[in-house]
Amino acid sequence: MFSLIDGNNFYVSCERVFNPLLEGQPVIVLSNNDSSVIARSNEAKDLGVQMGVPYFQIKSFLEEHNVKTLSSNYALYGDMSQRMMNILSTFSDEIEIYSIDECFLSLNGFERWDLLEYGKEIRQTVLQDLGIPTCVGIGPTKTLSKVANHLAKKMSRKDKTASGVLLLDTEEKWKEALKQTKVEDVWGIGRQYAKKLHSYQITHAFDLARVRRAWAKKHLGGIVGERIIEELNGTSCIEMELVPRPKQSICVSRSFGKIVTELGELSEAVSTYASKAAEKLRTEETVAAVLSIFIQSSQHKTNPFNAGITITLPSPSSDSRILAHYALEGLRKIFKEGIEYKKAGIVLNGIVSAKYQQTQLFEERPSNPALMKVIDKINKRWGQGSVFLASNGTTQEWQMLSTMRSKRFTTRWKELPVVNCK
């Protein structure tokens, strides 16, 4: 058996933990540069606020309906996610972190347990210890646990007294669940496949589960389609990924909070992004052999400007200094005067494990893993950005807009919540 635990409206829930006044109020969270909606409370959903809609298009509507609007606070969400996963890891030895707000637990060996009560205990523990509401779906396959979670969430929204836990432990139960699940809500069925299935009058997961394996293999991406059918019929085909797969590429890019025209400001941004990409490499104990830089003006201009360059490093590295050095070297080659730049980014490829890193005998700029380890420890202890490259700059006026961001309560000493006792 598998369990899928998913945080309800996760970004909004994180905000509510530290601001209880948001409970019961319509709340939305905006994307980078406060450009579009990426998270909504149930109250905001009930008002008809859609995901992905540009903020400027609905600003007056939000003000009219007293919708609390917040800039994204990724430092807070990431830390709360880590705390949630740490709590969930106490309920099973096998945990697969699927995204920032959801994970699978293997419940093999729990057959004699009351799994419905166990699911309720999981949900209550996360709520009590962290303040994040969740829904729990349990089924004999990962796909069916996803179906169970989806329905548990729907039931919780309709009925606030619902347990938020759904157990599909018999064929009768999961067939009934499949009848209530639209085919586009099945894990692994994207928009195009859903459209194709609808053309064959396959509208619900129950219909999909009844198609022949050969048909699924032909029309749903080969063996992937076959696995979906098997999983919907209770045969587990998708194993737990206990160790995250190494990323094949890493991209760090942002739109600027203002127009950038000077090489100096653009250099600060590129150096900062290279440093962040290097940190991601070190977190996964990997190194990159190829670095690409791109810069661009607003794509809404009549003649938008785009430029990029790819550099093969002398040897794979995760050293912030080395990646920033070559990134800035590349930037100087593609920078053009007179352009109003709106975005820049770094892409790393050729990623391999740091264990298999090969270095050259006479490197011009040798990596220093020990130094990077010390810097990472300091930043983890005292807050991100406590130690940084001088080339990253100090004022960073180009940073993306985040005018409505809440405090980073759990990762910045100076932003700890204040409690007044009377």
Protein backbone atom coordinates (compact mmCIF):
# COMPACT_ATOMS: atom_id res chain seq x y z
CA MET A 1 0.00 0.00 0.00
CA PHE A 2 1.02 3.59 -0.67
CA SER A 3 0.03 6.88 0.88
CA LEU A 4 0.16 10.30 -0.76
CA ILE A 5 0.17 13.29 1.57
CA ASP A 6 -0.46 16.69 0.01
CA GLY A 7 -0.48 20.11 1.69
CA ASN A 8 -3.74 21.98 1.09
CA ASN A 9 -3.20 25.29 -0.74
CA PHE A 10 0.35 25.00 0.57
CA TYR A 11 1.69 28.51 -0.02
CA VAL A 12 -1.41 30.09 1.50
CA SER A 13 -1.34 27.63 4.41
CA CYS A 14 2.28 28.58 5.17
CA GLU A 15 1.27 32.24 5.32
CA ARG A 16 -1.64 31.46 7.63
CA VAL A 17 0.60 29.66 10.13
CA PHE A 18 2.30 32.97 10.94
CA ASN A 19 -0.69 35.24 10.34
CA PRO A 20 -3.84 33.68 11.83
CA LEU A 21 -5.85 36.74 10.75
CA LEU A 22 -5.76 35.24 7.23
CA GLU A 23 -7.86 32.25 8.33
CA GLY A 24 -11.23 32.26 6.60
CA GLN A 25 -10.19 35.17 4.38
CA PRO A 26 -9.68 35.05 0.59
CA VAL A 27 -5.91 34.97 0.00
CA ILE A 28 -3.76 34.72 -3.12
CA VAL A 29 0.00 34.43 -3.64
CA LEU A 30 1.70 35.95 -6.69
CA SER A 31 4.58 34.64 -8.79
CA ASN A 32 7.99 36.27 -9.28
CA ASN A 33 7.77 40.02 -9.82
CA ASP A 34 4.15 39.93 -8.60
CA SER A 35 3.09 39.05 -12.12
CA SER A 36 0.42 36.33 -11.84
CA VAL A 37 -1.54 34.16 -9.41
CA ILE A 38 0.19 30.93 -8.34
CA ALA A 39 -1.74 29.98 -5.18
CA ARG A 40 -5.26 30.58 -3.87
CA SER A 41 -7.17 29.90 -0.69
CA ASN A 42 -10.50 28.10 -1.04
CA GLU A 43 -12.22 31.42 -0.37
CA ALA A 44 -10.39 33.00 -3.32
CA LYS A 45 -11.31 30.02 -5.50
CA ASP A 46 -14.97 30.51 -4.56
CA LEU A 47 -14.72 34.10 -5.81
CA GLY A 48 -13.64 32.76 -9.20
CA VAL A 49 -9.96 33.77 -9.07
CA GLN A 50 -8.13 31.60 -11.62
CA MET A 51 -4.59 30.23 -11.50
CA GLY A 52 -2.11 31.97 -13.78
CA VAL A 53 -4.19 35.09 -14.38
CA PRO A 54 -2.03 38.26 -14.56
CA TYR A 55 -2.27 40.34 -11.40
CA PHE A 56 -2.84 43.65 -13.19
CA GLN A 57 -5.96 42.24 -14.87
CA ILE A 58 -7.72 41.43 -11.59
CA LYS A 59 -6.21 43.99 -9.20
CA SER A 60 -9.38 46.08 -8.95
CA PHE A 61 -11.50 42.93 -8.51
CA LEU A 62 -9.26 41.75 -5.67
CA GLU A 63 -9.49 45.12 -3.94
CA GLU A 64 -13.26 45.19 -4.36
CA HIS A 65 -13.61 41.77 -2.69
CA ASN A 66 -10.98 42.38 0.01
CA VAL A 67 -8.72 39.60 -1.22
CA LYS A 68 -5.41 39.58 0.66
CA THR A 69 -2.62 39.60 -1.92
CA LEU A 70 0.89 38.42 -1.06
CA SER A 71 4.18 38.24 -2.93
CA SER A 72 5.74 34.77 -3.02
CA ASN A 73 7.99 33.95 -0.06
CA TYR A 74 10.00 30.98 -1.31
CA ALA A 75 12.39 31.00 1.65
CA LEU A 76 9.44 30.40 3.97
CA TYR A 77 7.72 27.83 1.75
CA GLY A 78 10.91 25.84 1.22
CA ASP A 79 11.70 25.71 4.93
CA MET A 80 8.13 24.74 5.86
CA SER A 81 8.25 22.02 3.21
CA GLN A 82 11.43 20.59 4.72
CA ARG A 83 9.82 20.58 8.16
CA MET A 84 6.73 18.81 6.81
CA MET A 85 8.82 16.13 5.09
CA ASN A 86 10.81 15.58 8.29
CA ILE A 87 7.57 14.96 10.19
CA LEU A 88 6.23 12.61 7.51
CA SER A 89 9.48 10.61 7.47
CA THR A 90 8.67 9.44 11.03
CA PHE A 91 5.65 7.53 9.70
CA SER A 92 7.52 5.29 7.24
CA ASP A 93 11.08 4.24 6.51
CA GLU A 94 10.40 4.73 2.80
CA ILE A 95 9.50 8.26 1.71
CA GLU A 96 9.57 9.82 -1.76
CA ILE A 97 9.42 13.61 -1.86
CA TYR A 98 7.43 14.30 -5.00
CA SER A 99 7.15 18.09 -4.86
CA ILE A 100 7.40 20.98 -2.43
CA ASP A 101 4.03 20.10 -0.89
CA GLU A 102 3.51 16.38 -1.44
CA CYS A 103 5.20 13.05 -0.86
CA PHE A 104 4.57 9.32 -1.07
CA LEU A 105 4.98 6.97 1.87
CA SER A 106 5.34 3.22 1.42
CA LEU A 107 2.99 1.37 3.78
CA ASN A 108 4.30 -2.10 2.96
CA GLY A 109 4.32 -4.13 6.16
CA PHE A 110 1.45 -2.10 7.62
CA GLU A 111 -1.23 -4.53 6.38
CA ARG A 112 -2.46 -5.41 9.88
CA TRP A 113 -2.78 -1.76 10.85
CA ASP A 114 -5.97 0.27 10.63
CA LEU A 115 -4.71 2.34 7.72
CA LEU A 116 -7.62 4.78 7.83
CA GLU A 117 -6.78 5.68 11.42
CA TYR A 118 -3.08 5.79 10.54
CA GLY A 119 -3.86 8.29 7.79
CA LYS A 120 -5.83 10.41 10.25
CA GLU A 121 -2.88 10.29 12.67
CA ILE A 122 -0.51 11.46 9.91
CA ARG A 123 -2.81 14.35 9.04
CA GLN A 124 -3.35 15.38 12.66
CA THR A 125 0.37 15.25 13.48
CA VAL A 126 1.32 17.55 10.60
CA LEU A 127 -1.48 19.94 11.55
CA GLN A 128 -0.56 19.95 15.23
CA ASP A 129 3.22 20.14 14.85
CA LEU A 130 3.39 22.48 11.86
CA GLY A 131 -0.02 24.06 11.39
CA ILE A 132 -0.33 22.89 7.77
CA PRO A 133 -3.61 21.19 6.77
CA THR A 134 -3.17 18.17 4.50
CA CYS A 135 -5.15 15.47 2.76
CA VAL A 136 -4.11 11.83 2.75
CA GLY A 137 -4.87 9.28 0.04
CA ILE A 138 -4.08 5.59 0.53
CA GLY A 139 -4.22 2.90 -2.14
CA PRO A 140 -2.53 -0.27 -3.45
CA THR A 141 -0.63 1.68 -6.13
CA LYS A 142 0.89 5.15 -6.33
CA THR A 143 -1.63 6.14 -8.99
CA LEU A 144 -4.59 5.01 -6.87
CA SER A 145 -3.18 6.82 -3.84
CA LYS A 146 -3.14 9.94 -6.02
CA VAL A 147 -6.78 9.33 -6.96
CA ALA A 148 -7.65 8.86 -3.28
CA ASN A 149 -5.88 12.08 -2.34
CA HIS A 150 -7.66 14.02 -5.08
CA LEU A 151 -11.07 12.84 -3.88
CA ALA A 152 -10.20 13.40 -0.22
CA LYS A 153 -9.37 16.99 -1.08
CA LYS A 154 -12.64 17.46 -2.97
CA MET A 155 -14.64 16.03 -0.07
CA SER A 156 -12.82 18.23 2.46
CA ARG A 157 -13.64 21.33 0.47
CA LYS A 158 -17.33 20.44 0.23
CA ASP A 159 -17.61 19.31 3.85
CA LYS A 160 -15.35 20.90 6.45
CA THR A 161 -16.14 18.05 8.87
CA ALA A 162 -14.69 15.45 6.45
CA SER A 163 -11.63 13.57 7.72
CA GLY A 164 -9.41 14.54 4.78
CA VAL A 165 -8.35 10.90 4.48
CA LEU A 166 -9.53 8.36 1.90
CA LEU A 167 -8.56 4.68 1.92
CA LEU A 168 -8.98 2.57 -1.23
CA ASP A 169 -8.21 -0.89 0.12
CA THR A 170 -10.69 -2.96 -1.90
CA GLU A 171 -11.44 -3.26 -5.60
CA GLU A 172 -14.99 -2.12 -4.98
CA LYS A 173 -13.78 1.09 -3.32
CA TRP A 174 -11.26 2.04 -5.97
CA LYS A 175 -13.65 1.33 -8.85
CA GLU A 176 -16.16 3.68 -7.25
CA ALA A 177 -13.39 6.26 -6.83
CA LEU A 178 -12.40 5.92 -10.49
CA LYS A 179 -15.99 6.60 -11.54
CA GLN A 180 -15.79 9.93 -9.69
CA THR A 181 -12.43 10.92 -11.19
CA LYS A 182 -12.17 12.71 -14.51
CA VAL A 183 -9.55 11.29 -16.85
CA GLU A 184 -7.63 14.60 -16.88
CA ASP A 185 -7.17 14.23 -13.11
CA VAL A 186 -5.37 10.88 -13.44
CA TRP A 187 -1.65 11.00 -12.63
CA GLY A 188 0.35 10.85 -15.88
CA ILE A 189 -2.48 12.00 -18.16
CA GLY A 190 -1.58 15.42 -19.52
CA ARG A 191 -3.74 17.87 -21.42
CA GLN A 192 -3.07 16.41 -24.86
CA TYR A 193 -3.68 12.81 -23.78
CA ALA A 194 -6.88 13.88 -22.01
CA LYS A 195 -8.07 15.55 -25.19
CA LYS A 196 -7.32 12.39 -27.18
CA LEU A 197 -9.12 10.19 -24.63
CA HIS A 198 -12.19 12.41 -24.73
CA SER A 199 -12.30 11.96 -28.51
CA TYR A 200 -12.69 8.22 -27.82
CA GLN A 201 -15.46 8.91 -25.25
CA ILE A 202 -13.11 7.98 -22.42
CA THR A 203 -14.04 10.67 -19.90
CA HIS A 204 -13.43 9.12 -16.48
CA ALA A 205 -10.69 7.06 -14.87
CA PHE A 206 -13.05 4.09 -14.68
CA ASP A 207 -13.38 4.12 -18.49
CA LEU A 208 -9.62 4.38 -18.85
CA ALA A 209 -9.00 1.43 -16.53
CA ARG A 210 -11.07 -0.80 -18.84
CA VAL A 211 -9.10 -0.19 -22.05
CA ARG A 212 -6.80 -2.89 -23.37
CA ARG A 213 -3.10 -2.68 -22.52
CA ALA A 214 -2.18 -2.84 -26.22
CA TRP A 215 -4.43 0.15 -26.93
CA ALA A 216 -2.89 2.12 -24.08
CA LYS A 217 0.61 1.28 -25.30
CA LYS A 218 -0.26 2.54 -28.77
CA HIS A 219 -2.11 5.73 -27.79
CA LEU A 220 -0.64 6.74 -24.42
CA GLY A 221 3.11 6.83 -24.86
CA GLY A 222 4.11 3.18 -24.91
CA ILE A 223 4.99 1.43 -21.68
CA VAL A 224 4.05 4.53 -19.67
CA GLY A 225 0.45 4.15 -20.84
CA GLU A 226 0.46 0.44 -19.99
CA ARG A 227 1.66 1.23 -16.49
CA ILE A 228 -1.15 3.72 -15.94
CA ILE A 229 -3.75 1.07 -16.82
CA GLU A 230 -2.10 -1.55 -14.60
CA GLU A 231 -1.90 0.91 -11.71
CA LEU A 232 -5.57 1.89 -12.08
CA ASN A 233 -6.44 -1.80 -11.83
CA GLY A 234 -4.52 -2.28 -8.59
CA THR A 235 -1.23 -3.68 -9.90
CA SER A 236 1.73 -1.67 -8.63
CA CYS A 237 4.17 -0.84 -11.45
CA ILE A 238 5.73 2.44 -10.30
CA GLU A 239 8.31 1.95 -7.58
CA MET A 240 9.21 4.40 -4.84
CA GLU A 241 12.09 6.72 -5.71
CA LEU A 242 13.77 6.87 -2.31
CA VAL A 243 16.79 8.73 -3.69
CA PRO A 244 15.93 11.73 -5.89
CA ARG A 245 17.21 11.45 -9.44
CA PRO A 246 20.14 13.77 -10.14
CA LYS A 247 19.05 16.75 -12.20
CA GLN A 248 20.21 16.67 -15.80
CA SER A 249 20.22 20.45 -15.91
CA ILE A 250 19.82 23.36 -13.51
CA CYS A 251 18.36 26.72 -14.49
CA VAL A 252 18.32 29.88 -12.40
CA SER A 253 16.65 32.86 -14.05
CA ARG A 254 14.55 35.81 -12.97
CA SER A 255 12.86 38.83 -14.50
CA PHE A 256 14.21 42.06 -13.07
CA GLY A 257 12.18 44.38 -10.89
CA LYS A 258 13.20 47.28 -13.13
CA ILE A 259 14.77 47.88 -16.52
CA VAL A 260 18.53 47.20 -16.50
CA THR A 261 20.79 48.92 -19.03
CA GLU A 262 24.24 48.93 -17.40
CA LEU A 263 26.74 46.07 -17.60
CA GLY A 264 27.51 46.50 -13.89
CA GLU A 265 23.97 45.75 -12.72
CA LEU A 266 23.60 42.94 -15.24
CA SER A 267 26.87 41.44 -13.98
CA GLU A 268 25.55 41.46 -10.40
CA ALA A 269 22.47 39.53 -11.48
CA VAL A 270 24.40 36.96 -13.52
CA SER A 271 26.93 36.44 -10.72
CA THR A 272 24.10 35.99 -8.20
CA TYR A 273 22.34 33.44 -10.40
CA ALA A 274 25.60 31.54 -10.98
CA SER A 275 26.13 31.40 -7.20
CA LYS A 276 22.61 30.05 -6.66
CA ALA A 277 23.11 27.43 -9.35
CA ALA A 278 26.39 26.39 -7.72
CA GLU A 279 24.62 26.03 -4.36
CA LYS A 280 22.08 23.71 -5.96
CA LEU A 281 24.89 21.59 -7.37
CA ARG A 282 26.55 21.30 -3.97
CA THR A 283 23.26 20.39 -2.30
CA GLU A 284 22.98 17.41 -4.63
CA GLU A 285 26.72 16.64 -4.46
CA THR A 286 27.10 17.15 -8.19
CA VAL A 287 29.27 19.23 -10.52
CA ALA A 288 28.57 20.78 -13.93
CA ALA A 289 30.75 20.77 -17.02
CA VAL A 290 28.80 23.19 -19.22
CA LEU A 291 27.47 26.65 -18.41
CA SER A 292 25.12 28.77 -20.52
CA ILE A 293 24.16 32.41 -19.99
CA PHE A 294 21.26 34.23 -21.60
CA ILE A 295 20.03 37.82 -21.44
CA GLN A 296 16.93 39.34 -22.99
CA SER A 297 14.81 42.45 -23.23
CA SER A 298 11.04 42.45 -22.73
CA GLN A 299 9.50 39.97 -25.14
CA HIS A 300 6.58 42.37 -25.64
CA LYS A 301 8.76 44.80 -27.58
CA THR A 302 8.45 45.05 -31.36
CA ASN A 303 12.01 43.78 -31.83
CA PRO A 304 12.92 41.89 -28.65
CA PHE A 305 16.62 41.31 -27.99
CA ASN A 306 17.88 37.86 -27.03
CA ALA A 307 21.48 36.74 -26.65
CA GLY A 308 23.22 33.75 -25.15
CA ILE A 309 26.49 31.88 -24.98
CA THR A 310 27.57 28.41 -23.87
CA ILE A 311 30.90 27.73 -22.20
CA THR A 312 32.54 24.37 -21.50
CA LEU A 313 34.42 24.60 -18.22
CA PRO A 314 38.05 23.38 -18.03
CA SER A 315 36.79 20.75 -15.57
CA PRO A 316 33.39 20.13 -13.95
CA SER A 317 32.82 22.31 -10.89
CA SER A 318 30.33 23.42 -8.24
CA ASP A 319 32.55 26.23 -6.95
CA SER A 320 30.59 29.50 -6.91
CA ARG A 321 33.71 31.51 -7.74
CA ILE A 322 34.50 29.49 -10.84
CA LEU A 323 30.95 29.44 -12.19
CA ALA A 324 30.56 33.17 -11.59
CA HIS A 325 33.92 33.89 -13.25
CA TYR A 326 33.04 32.08 -16.48
CA ALA A 327 29.47 33.39 -16.43
CA LEU A 328 30.73 36.98 -16.28
CA GLU A 329 33.29 36.22 -18.96
CA GLY A 330 30.48 35.01 -21.21
CA LEU A 331 28.26 37.96 -20.32
CA ARG A 332 30.87 40.45 -21.48
CA LYS A 333 30.91 38.74 -24.88
CA ILE A 334 27.15 38.98 -25.45
CA PHE A 335 26.32 42.27 -23.71
CA LYS A 336 25.14 45.02 -26.05
CA GLU A 337 24.91 48.72 -25.17
CA GLY A 338 21.58 50.51 -25.48
CA ILE A 339 19.38 47.51 -24.71
CA GLU A 340 16.76 47.63 -21.94
CA TYR A 341 17.29 44.24 -20.31
CA LYS A 342 14.40 42.60 -18.47
CA LYS A 343 15.68 39.09 -17.72
CA ALA A 344 18.85 37.03 -17.38
CA GLY A 345 19.59 33.43 -16.53
CA ILE A 346 22.10 30.66 -16.02
CA VAL A 347 21.71 27.08 -17.24
CA LEU A 348 24.04 24.28 -16.13
CA ASN A 349 24.42 21.04 -18.09
CA GLY A 350 26.80 18.10 -18.16
CA ILE A 351 25.95 17.38 -14.53
CA VAL A 352 27.69 14.41 -12.89
CA SER A 353 28.31 13.20 -9.37
CA ALA A 354 31.05 15.09 -7.55
CA LYS A 355 32.47 11.69 -6.57
CA TYR A 356 33.54 11.08 -10.15
CA GLN A 357 34.90 14.55 -10.77
CA GLN A 358 38.10 14.60 -12.81
CA THR A 359 40.40 17.60 -12.56
CA GLN A 360 43.26 18.79 -14.72
CA LEU A 361 46.81 18.73 -13.42
CA PHE A 362 47.49 22.42 -14.06
CA GLU A 363 44.15 24.16 -13.60
CA GLU A 364 44.12 27.94 -13.87
CA ARG A 365 41.26 28.18 -11.35
CA PRO A 366 41.12 25.04 -9.18
CA SER A 367 37.95 24.32 -7.22
CA ASN A 368 38.03 24.55 -3.45
CA PRO A 369 35.31 22.23 -2.06
CA ALA A 370 36.44 22.85 1.52
CA LEU A 371 35.92 26.59 1.16
CA MET A 372 32.49 26.12 -0.40
CA LYS A 373 31.53 23.75 2.42
CA VAL A 374 32.44 26.37 5.03
CA ILE A 375 30.48 29.08 3.19
CA ASP A 376 27.43 26.81 2.94
CA LYS A 377 27.63 26.05 6.67
CA ILE A 378 27.83 29.74 7.58
CA ASN A 379 24.89 30.61 5.34
CA LYS A 380 22.84 27.76 6.77
CA ARG A 381 23.65 28.82 10.33
CA TRP A 382 23.27 32.58 9.98
CA GLY A 383 20.93 32.93 7.03
CA GLN A 384 21.20 32.80 3.26
CA GLY A 385 23.47 35.52 1.92
CA SER A 386 25.51 35.98 5.09
CA VAL A 387 28.60 35.24 2.98
CA PHE A 388 28.50 35.97 -0.74
CA LEU A 389 30.71 36.83 -3.69
CA ALA A 390 31.61 40.51 -4.01
CA SER A 391 30.60 40.32 -7.67
CA ASN A 392 27.00 39.67 -6.53
CA GLY A 393 26.76 43.28 -5.37
CA THR A 394 25.23 44.64 -2.19
CA THR A 395 22.27 46.85 -3.13
CA GLN A 396 20.92 44.68 -5.99
CA GLU A 397 18.34 47.24 -7.08
CA TRP A 398 17.58 45.01 -10.07
CA GLN A 399 16.03 42.33 -7.85
CA MET A 400 12.52 41.21 -8.75
CA LEU A 401 9.56 43.02 -7.23
CA SER A 402 8.31 41.50 -4.00
CA THR A 403 6.50 44.42 -2.43
CA MET A 404 3.89 42.35 -0.59
CA ARG A 405 6.11 39.56 0.76
CA SER A 406 5.65 38.43 4.34
CA LYS A 407 8.66 38.06 6.61
CA ARG A 408 10.96 35.04 6.32
CA PHE A 409 9.97 33.94 9.81
CA THR A 410 11.90 30.67 9.93
CA THR A 411 15.14 31.51 8.13
CA ARG A 412 16.08 35.06 9.19
CA TRP A 413 16.95 35.95 12.78
CA LYS A 414 15.90 39.56 12.24
CA GLU A 415 12.50 38.48 10.92
CA LEU A 416 11.41 36.18 13.76
CA PRO A 417 7.75 36.65 14.69
CA VAL A 418 7.21 38.83 17.75
CA VAL A 419 4.88 37.58 20.47
CA ASN A 420 3.52 40.05 23.01
CA CYS A 421 2.38 38.65 26.36
CA LYS A 422 0.08 40.68 28.59
